[in-house]
Amino acid sequence: MGFIVDCRIGKAHDYDIVEGPMADDTIYNYIQGFIDGKYSRAAFWELAKFKYPTHQISFHTARALTTLKFLGVQKYEE
């Protein structure tokens, strides 16, 4: 929870790559509610349970980008 709040308030971190559930505006409202003292930690986690699968990988440094390998292009067909 601390890492999430720290990111929300703009605190820097030293991670090259951050991976986890993707937060939408609703989740950010819950985070702000926790920061403002409107929700306890337990209440935040109960509210923040995702109703649909989401996932993100965030690359924060140039070094992180070196972990990527271009494999080609896949055409999308309907």
PDB file of N, CA and C in Angstrom:
ATOM      1  N   MET A   1       0.830  -1.190   0.000  1.00  0.00           N
ATOM      2  CA  MET A   1       0.000   0.000   0.000  1.00  0.00           C
ATOM      3  C   MET A   1       0.870   1.246   0.000  1.00  0.00           C
ATOM      4  N   GLY A   2       1.953   1.233   0.736  1.00  0.00           N
ATOM      5  CA  GLY A   2       2.835   2.392   0.813  1.00  0.00           C
ATOM      6  C   GLY A   2       3.375   2.799  -0.540  1.00  0.00           C
ATOM      7  N   PHE A   3       3.774   1.815  -1.347  1.00  0.00           N
ATOM      8  CA  PHE A   3       4.311   2.111  -2.676  1.00  0.00           C
ATOM      9  C   PHE A   3       3.262   2.777  -3.552  1.00  0.00           C
ATOM     10  N   ILE A   4       2.031   2.286  -3.480  1.00  0.00           N
ATOM     11  CA  ILE A   4       0.943   2.850  -4.277  1.00  0.00           C
ATOM     12  C   ILE A   4       0.703   4.302  -3.895  1.00  0.00           C
ATOM     13  N   VAL A   5       0.625   4.560  -2.601  1.00  0.00           N
ATOM     14  CA  VAL A   5       0.394   5.930  -2.121  1.00  0.00           C
ATOM     15  C   VAL A   5       1.567   6.817  -2.498  1.00  0.00           C
ATOM     16  N   ASP A   6       2.791   6.334  -2.307  1.00  0.00           N
ATOM     17  CA  ASP A   6       3.967   7.129  -2.659  1.00  0.00           C
ATOM     18  C   ASP A   6       3.949   7.525  -4.132  1.00  0.00           C
ATOM     19  N   CYS A   7       3.595   6.602  -5.011  1.00  0.00           N
ATOM     20  CA  CYS A   7       3.507   6.911  -6.438  1.00  0.00           C
ATOM     21  C   CYS A   7       2.427   7.946  -6.697  1.00  0.00           C
ATOM     22  N   ARG A   8       1.309   7.800  -6.028  1.00  0.00           N
ATOM     23  CA  ARG A   8       0.169   8.715  -6.225  1.00  0.00           C
ATOM     24  C   ARG A   8       0.542  10.146  -5.857  1.00  0.00           C
ATOM     25  N   ILE A   9       1.373  10.307  -4.822  1.00  0.00           N
ATOM     26  CA  ILE A   9       1.737  11.665  -4.394  1.00  0.00           C
ATOM     27  C   ILE A   9       3.011  12.158  -5.073  1.00  0.00           C
ATOM     28  N   GLY A  10       3.530  11.364  -6.018  1.00  0.00           N
ATOM     29  CA  GLY A  10       4.666  11.814  -6.814  1.00  0.00           C
ATOM     30  C   GLY A  10       6.037  11.517  -6.252  1.00  0.00           C
ATOM     31  N   LYS A  11       6.109  10.665  -5.243  1.00  0.00           N
ATOM     32  CA  LYS A  11       7.401  10.317  -4.658  1.00  0.00           C
ATOM     33  C   LYS A  11       8.173   9.421  -5.635  1.00  0.00           C
ATOM     34  N   ALA A  12       9.431   9.754  -5.868  1.00  0.00           N
ATOM     35  CA  ALA A  12      10.273   9.000  -6.802  1.00  0.00           C
ATOM     36  C   ALA A  12      10.659   7.650  -6.207  1.00  0.00           C
ATOM     37  N   HIS A  13      10.955   6.702  -7.090  1.00  0.00           N
ATOM     38  CA  HIS A  13      11.451   5.394  -6.665  1.00  0.00           C
ATOM     39  C   HIS A  13      12.592   4.994  -7.578  1.00  0.00           C
ATOM     40  N   ASP A  14      13.311   3.942  -7.205  1.00  0.00           N
ATOM     41  CA  ASP A  14      14.486   3.502  -7.958  1.00  0.00           C
ATOM     42  C   ASP A  14      14.226   2.264  -8.805  1.00  0.00           C
ATOM     43  N   TYR A  15      12.985   1.870  -8.962  1.00  0.00           N
ATOM     44  CA  TYR A  15      12.685   0.665  -9.729  1.00  0.00           C
ATOM     45  C   TYR A  15      12.795   0.947 -11.229  1.00  0.00           C
ATOM     46  N   ASP A  16      13.386   0.014 -11.956  1.00  0.00           N
ATOM     47  CA  ASP A  16      13.452   0.120 -13.407  1.00  0.00           C
ATOM     48  C   ASP A  16      12.107  -0.245 -14.030  1.00  0.00           C
ATOM     49  N   ILE A  17      11.486  -1.295 -13.496  1.00  0.00           N
ATOM     50  CA  ILE A  17      10.229  -1.809 -14.031  1.00  0.00           C
ATOM     51  C   ILE A  17       9.260  -2.038 -12.877  1.00  0.00           C
ATOM     52  N   VAL A  18       8.012  -1.610 -13.073  1.00  0.00           N
ATOM     53  CA  VAL A  18       6.963  -1.859 -12.086  1.00  0.00           C
ATOM     54  C   VAL A  18       5.860  -2.627 -12.804  1.00  0.00           C
ATOM     55  N   GLU A  19       5.440  -3.728 -12.201  1.00  0.00           N
ATOM     56  CA  GLU A  19       4.441  -4.599 -12.812  1.00  0.00           C
ATOM     57  C   GLU A  19       3.319  -4.851 -11.819  1.00  0.00           C
ATOM     58  N   GLY A  20       2.081  -4.827 -12.307  1.00  0.00           N
ATOM     59  CA  GLY A  20       0.964  -5.122 -11.425  1.00  0.00           C
ATOM     60  C   GLY A  20      -0.358  -4.705 -12.019  1.00  0.00           C
ATOM     61  N   PRO A  21      -1.406  -4.731 -11.202  1.00  0.00           N
ATOM     62  CA  PRO A  21      -2.733  -4.350 -11.691  1.00  0.00           C
ATOM     63  C   PRO A  21      -2.742  -2.893 -12.144  1.00  0.00           C
ATOM     64  N   MET A  22      -3.496  -2.611 -13.163  1.00  0.00           N
ATOM     65  CA  MET A  22      -3.593  -1.254 -13.677  1.00  0.00           C
ATOM     66  C   MET A  22      -4.702  -0.530 -12.929  1.00  0.00           C
ATOM     67  N   ALA A  23      -4.379   0.660 -12.443  1.00  0.00           N
ATOM     68  CA  ALA A  23      -5.354   1.439 -11.687  1.00  0.00           C
ATOM     69  C   ALA A  23      -6.081   2.403 -12.610  1.00  0.00           C
ATOM     70  N   ASP A  24      -7.402   2.377 -12.549  1.00  0.00           N
ATOM     71  CA  ASP A  24      -8.183   3.342 -13.309  1.00  0.00           C
ATOM     72  C   ASP A  24      -8.549   4.509 -12.395  1.00  0.00           C
ATOM     73  N   ASP A  25      -9.366   5.432 -12.887  1.00  0.00           N
ATOM     74  CA  ASP A  25      -9.727   6.611 -12.097  1.00  0.00           C
ATOM     75  C   ASP A  25     -10.432   6.247 -10.801  1.00  0.00           C
ATOM     76  N   THR A  26     -11.239   5.189 -10.820  1.00  0.00           N
ATOM     77  CA  THR A  26     -11.934   4.772  -9.603  1.00  0.00           C
ATOM     78  C   THR A  26     -10.931   4.373  -8.535  1.00  0.00           C
ATOM     79  N   ILE A  27      -9.935   3.600  -8.909  1.00  0.00           N
ATOM     80  CA  ILE A  27      -8.908   3.172  -7.950  1.00  0.00           C
ATOM     81  C   ILE A  27      -8.170   4.382  -7.408  1.00  0.00           C
ATOM     82  N   TYR A  28      -7.840   5.337  -8.280  1.00  0.00           N
ATOM     83  CA  TYR A  28      -7.147   6.538  -7.806  1.00  0.00           C
ATOM     84  C   TYR A  28      -8.010   7.324  -6.826  1.00  0.00           C
ATOM     85  N   ASN A  29      -9.314   7.319  -7.009  1.00  0.00           N
ATOM     86  CA  ASN A  29     -10.196   7.971  -6.033  1.00  0.00           C
ATOM     87  C   ASN A  29     -10.117   7.270  -4.688  1.00  0.00           C
ATOM     88  N   TYR A  30     -10.040   5.944  -4.694  1.00  0.00           N
ATOM     89  CA  TYR A  30      -9.894   5.195  -3.445  1.00  0.00           C
ATOM     90  C   TYR A  30      -8.553   5.502  -2.782  1.00  0.00           C
ATOM     91  N   ILE A  31      -7.504   5.599  -3.587  1.00  0.00           N
ATOM     92  CA  ILE A  31      -6.181   5.934  -3.041  1.00  0.00           C
ATOM     93  C   ILE A  31      -6.235   7.307  -2.387  1.00  0.00           C
ATOM     94  N   GLN A  32      -6.848   8.265  -3.075  1.00  0.00           N
ATOM     95  CA  GLN A  32      -6.954   9.605  -2.500  1.00  0.00           C
ATOM     96  C   GLN A  32      -7.771   9.579  -1.217  1.00  0.00           C
ATOM     97  N   GLY A  33      -8.817   8.773  -1.191  1.00  0.00           N
ATOM     98  CA  GLY A  33      -9.610   8.632   0.031  1.00  0.00           C
ATOM     99  C   GLY A  33      -8.791   8.072   1.179  1.00  0.00           C
ATOM    100  N   PHE A  34      -7.921   7.114   0.879  1.00  0.00           N
ATOM    101  CA  PHE A  34      -7.031   6.559   1.910  1.00  0.00           C
ATOM    102  C   PHE A  34      -6.069   7.639   2.399  1.00  0.00           C
ATOM    103  N   ILE A  35      -5.462   8.381   1.464  1.00  0.00           N
ATOM    104  CA  ILE A  35      -4.523   9.450   1.828  1.00  0.00           C
ATOM    105  C   ILE A  35      -5.211  10.489   2.699  1.00  0.00           C
ATOM    106  N   ASP A  36      -6.463  10.817   2.353  1.00  0.00           N
ATOM    107  CA  ASP A  36      -7.219  11.822   3.105  1.00  0.00           C
ATOM    108  C   ASP A  36      -7.782  11.294   4.421  1.00  0.00           C
ATOM    109  N   GLY A  37      -7.587  10.001   4.695  1.00  0.00           N
ATOM    110  CA  GLY A  37      -8.077   9.428   5.942  1.00  0.00           C
ATOM    111  C   GLY A  37      -9.535   9.000   5.905  1.00  0.00           C
ATOM    112  N   LYS A  38     -10.138   8.970   4.724  1.00  0.00           N
ATOM    113  CA  LYS A  38     -11.545   8.564   4.606  1.00  0.00           C
ATOM    114  C   LYS A  38     -11.707   7.048   4.681  1.00  0.00           C
ATOM    115  N   TYR A  39     -10.645   6.309   4.307  1.00  0.00           N
ATOM    116  CA  TYR A  39     -10.688   4.851   4.302  1.00  0.00           C
ATOM    117  C   TYR A  39      -9.521   4.291   5.092  1.00  0.00           C
ATOM    118  N   SER A  40      -9.778   3.217   5.818  1.00  0.00           N
ATOM    119  CA  SER A  40      -8.687   2.488   6.462  1.00  0.00           C
ATOM    120  C   SER A  40      -7.964   1.669   5.394  1.00  0.00           C
ATOM    121  N   ARG A  41      -6.824   1.118   5.749  1.00  0.00           N
ATOM    122  CA  ARG A  41      -6.078   0.262   4.819  1.00  0.00           C
ATOM    123  C   ARG A  41      -6.959  -0.920   4.393  1.00  0.00           C
ATOM    124  N   ALA A  42      -7.637  -1.558   5.349  1.00  0.00           N
ATOM    125  CA  ALA A  42      -8.488  -2.707   5.032  1.00  0.00           C
ATOM    126  C   ALA A  42      -9.644  -2.302   4.119  1.00  0.00           C
ATOM    127  N   ALA A  43     -10.245  -1.145   4.399  1.00  0.00           N
ATOM    128  CA  ALA A  43     -11.351  -0.670   3.563  1.00  0.00           C
ATOM    129  C   ALA A  43     -10.866  -0.362   2.151  1.00  0.00           C
ATOM    130  N   PHE A  44      -9.666   0.226   2.035  1.00  0.00           N
ATOM    131  CA  PHE A  44      -9.115   0.504   0.709  1.00  0.00           C
ATOM    132  C   PHE A  44      -8.996  -0.773  -0.095  1.00  0.00           C
ATOM    133  N   TRP A  45      -8.398  -1.821   0.496  1.00  0.00           N
ATOM    134  CA  TRP A  45      -8.190  -3.069  -0.255  1.00  0.00           C
ATOM    135  C   TRP A  45      -9.515  -3.719  -0.633  1.00  0.00           C
ATOM    136  N   GLU A  46     -10.508  -3.580   0.210  1.00  0.00           N
ATOM    137  CA  GLU A  46     -11.820  -4.128  -0.120  1.00  0.00           C
ATOM    138  C   GLU A  46     -12.426  -3.370  -1.309  1.00  0.00           C
ATOM    139  N   LEU A  47     -12.309  -2.056  -1.300  1.00  0.00           N
ATOM    140  CA  LEU A  47     -12.829  -1.246  -2.401  1.00  0.00           C
ATOM    141  C   LEU A  47     -12.039  -1.448  -3.690  1.00  0.00           C
ATOM    142  N   ALA A  48     -10.742  -1.687  -3.546  1.00  0.00           N
ATOM    143  CA  ALA A  48      -9.847  -1.725  -4.703  1.00  0.00           C
ATOM    144  C   ALA A  48      -9.826  -3.069  -5.426  1.00  0.00           C
ATOM    145  N   LYS A  49     -10.543  -4.059  -4.911  1.00  0.00           N
ATOM    146  CA  LYS A  49     -10.576  -5.345  -5.614  1.00  0.00           C
ATOM    147  C   LYS A  49     -11.067  -5.114  -7.035  1.00  0.00           C
ATOM    148  N   PHE A  50     -10.322  -5.655  -7.982  1.00  0.00           N
ATOM    149  CA  PHE A  50     -10.643  -5.407  -9.388  1.00  0.00           C
ATOM    150  C   PHE A  50     -11.807  -6.280  -9.840  1.00  0.00           C
ATOM    151  N   LYS A  51     -12.724  -5.674 -10.549  1.00  0.00           N
ATOM    152  CA  LYS A  51     -13.899  -6.371 -11.029  1.00  0.00           C
ATOM    153  C   LYS A  51     -13.650  -7.010 -12.385  1.00  0.00           C
ATOM    154  N   TYR A  52     -12.557  -6.665 -13.023  1.00  0.00           N
ATOM    155  CA  TYR A  52     -12.186  -7.223 -14.317  1.00  0.00           C
ATOM    156  C   TYR A  52     -10.663  -7.289 -14.362  1.00  0.00           C
ATOM    157  N   PRO A  53     -10.118  -8.247 -15.097  1.00  0.00           N
ATOM    158  CA  PRO A  53      -8.665  -8.392 -15.110  1.00  0.00           C
ATOM    159  C   PRO A  53      -7.970  -7.228 -15.815  1.00  0.00           C
ATOM    160  N   THR A  54      -6.997  -6.668 -15.159  1.00  0.00           N
ATOM    161  CA  THR A  54      -6.177  -5.610 -15.737  1.00  0.00           C
ATOM    162  C   THR A  54      -4.731  -5.881 -15.363  1.00  0.00           C
ATOM    163  N   HIS A  55      -3.836  -5.444 -16.184  1.00  0.00           N
ATOM    164  CA  HIS A  55      -2.425  -5.658 -15.891  1.00  0.00           C
ATOM    165  C   HIS A  55      -1.613  -4.628 -16.667  1.00  0.00           C
ATOM    166  N   GLN A  56      -0.542  -4.155 -16.042  1.00  0.00           N
ATOM    167  CA  GLN A  56       0.336  -3.232 -16.735  1.00  0.00           C
ATOM    168  C   GLN A  56       1.778  -3.500 -16.355  1.00  0.00           C
ATOM    169  N   ILE A  57       2.656  -3.156 -17.274  1.00  0.00           N
ATOM    170  CA  ILE A  57       4.092  -3.166 -17.025  1.00  0.00           C
ATOM    171  C   ILE A  57       4.572  -1.771 -17.373  1.00  0.00           C
ATOM    172  N   SER A  58       5.196  -1.114 -16.415  1.00  0.00           N
ATOM    173  CA  SER A  58       5.632   0.264 -16.594  1.00  0.00           C
ATOM    174  C   SER A  58       7.158   0.313 -16.580  1.00  0.00           C
ATOM    175  N   PHE A  59       7.741   0.856 -17.637  1.00  0.00           N
ATOM    176  CA  PHE A  59       9.192   0.964 -17.770  1.00  0.00           C
ATOM    177  C   PHE A  59       9.611   2.373 -17.369  1.00  0.00           C
ATOM    178  N   HIS A  60      10.449   2.482 -16.341  1.00  0.00           N
ATOM    179  CA  HIS A  60      10.769   3.784 -15.754  1.00  0.00           C
ATOM    180  C   HIS A  60      12.149   4.312 -16.092  1.00  0.00           C
ATOM    181  N   THR A  61      12.992   3.499 -16.675  1.00  0.00           N
ATOM    182  CA  THR A  61      14.353   3.937 -16.987  1.00  0.00           C
ATOM    183  C   THR A  61      14.746   3.467 -18.381  1.00  0.00           C
ATOM    184  N   ALA A  62      15.765   4.109 -18.913  1.00  0.00           N
ATOM    185  CA  ALA A  62      16.304   3.672 -20.208  1.00  0.00           C
ATOM    186  C   ALA A  62      16.838   2.246 -20.089  1.00  0.00           C
ATOM    187  N   ARG A  63      17.422   1.915 -18.950  1.00  0.00           N
ATOM    188  CA  ARG A  63      17.940   0.559 -18.743  1.00  0.00           C
ATOM    189  C   ARG A  63      16.812  -0.468 -18.820  1.00  0.00           C
ATOM    190  N   ALA A  64      15.634  -0.122 -18.331  1.00  0.00           N
ATOM    191  CA  ALA A  64      14.490  -1.032 -18.396  1.00  0.00           C
ATOM    192  C   ALA A  64      14.120  -1.339 -19.838  1.00  0.00           C
ATOM    193  N   LEU A  65      14.239  -0.354 -20.692  1.00  0.00           N
ATOM    194  CA  LEU A  65      13.875  -0.554 -22.097  1.00  0.00           C
ATOM    195  C   LEU A  65      14.812  -1.527 -22.804  1.00  0.00           C
ATOM    196  N   THR A  66      16.018  -1.704 -22.284  1.00  0.00           N
ATOM    197  CA  THR A  66      16.949  -2.652 -22.907  1.00  0.00           C
ATOM    198  C   THR A  66      16.515  -4.096 -22.688  1.00  0.00           C
ATOM    199  N   THR A  67      15.552  -4.326 -21.812  1.00  0.00           N
ATOM    200  CA  THR A  67      15.058  -5.689 -21.571  1.00  0.00           C
ATOM    201  C   THR A  67      14.072  -6.134 -22.640  1.00  0.00           C
ATOM    202  N   LEU A  68      13.626  -5.196 -23.460  1.00  0.00           N
ATOM    203  CA  LEU A  68      12.643  -5.514 -24.504  1.00  0.00           C
ATOM    204  C   LEU A  68      13.337  -6.019 -25.762  1.00  0.00           C
ATOM    205  N   LYS A  69      12.677  -6.940 -26.432  1.00  0.00           N
ATOM    206  CA  LYS A  69      13.181  -7.467 -27.690  1.00  0.00           C
ATOM    207  C   LYS A  69      12.039  -7.451 -28.702  1.00  0.00           C
ATOM    208  N   PHE A  70      12.243  -6.771 -29.835  1.00  0.00           N
ATOM    209  CA  PHE A  70      11.240  -6.696 -30.870  1.00  0.00           C
ATOM    210  C   PHE A  70      11.194  -8.024 -31.612  1.00  0.00           C
ATOM    211  N   LEU A  71      10.034  -8.658 -31.622  1.00  0.00           N
ATOM    212  CA  LEU A  71       9.891  -9.967 -32.258  1.00  0.00           C
ATOM    213  C   LEU A  71       9.204  -9.896 -33.614  1.00  0.00           C
ATOM    214  N   GLY A  72       8.632  -8.764 -33.945  1.00  0.00           N
ATOM    215  CA  GLY A  72       7.964  -8.629 -35.222  1.00  0.00           C
ATOM    216  C   GLY A  72       6.584  -8.022 -35.050  1.00  0.00           C
ATOM    217  N   VAL A  73       5.837  -8.035 -36.133  1.00  0.00           N
ATOM    218  CA  VAL A  73       4.504  -7.440 -36.155  1.00  0.00           C
ATOM    219  C   VAL A  73       3.481  -8.518 -36.443  1.00  0.00           C
ATOM    220  N   GLN A  74       2.423  -8.524 -35.697  1.00  0.00           N
ATOM    221  CA  GLN A  74       1.348  -9.464 -35.939  1.00  0.00           C
ATOM    222  C   GLN A  74       0.159  -8.673 -36.467  1.00  0.00           C
ATOM    223  N   LYS A  75      -0.346  -9.076 -37.618  1.00  0.00           N
ATOM    224  CA  LYS A  75      -1.486  -8.369 -38.201  1.00  0.00           C
ATOM    225  C   LYS A  75      -2.760  -8.762 -37.467  1.00  0.00           C
ATOM    226  N   TYR A  76      -3.596  -7.765 -37.251  1.00  0.00           N
ATOM    227  CA  TYR A  76      -4.883  -7.980 -36.602  1.00  0.00           C
ATOM    228  C   TYR A  76      -5.936  -8.212 -37.682  1.00  0.00           C
ATOM    229  N   GLU A  77      -6.657  -9.285 -37.565  1.00  0.00           N
ATOM    230  CA  GLU A  77      -7.730  -9.576 -38.501  1.00  0.00           C
ATOM    231  C   GLU A  77      -9.031  -9.764 -37.734  1.00  0.00           C
ATOM    232  N   GLU A  78     -10.089  -9.181 -38.254  1.00  0.00           N
ATOM    233  CA  GLU A  78     -11.390  -9.304 -37.595  1.00  0.00           C
ATOM    234  C   GLU A  78     -12.099 -10.544 -38.027  1.00  0.00           C
TER     235      GLU A  78
END
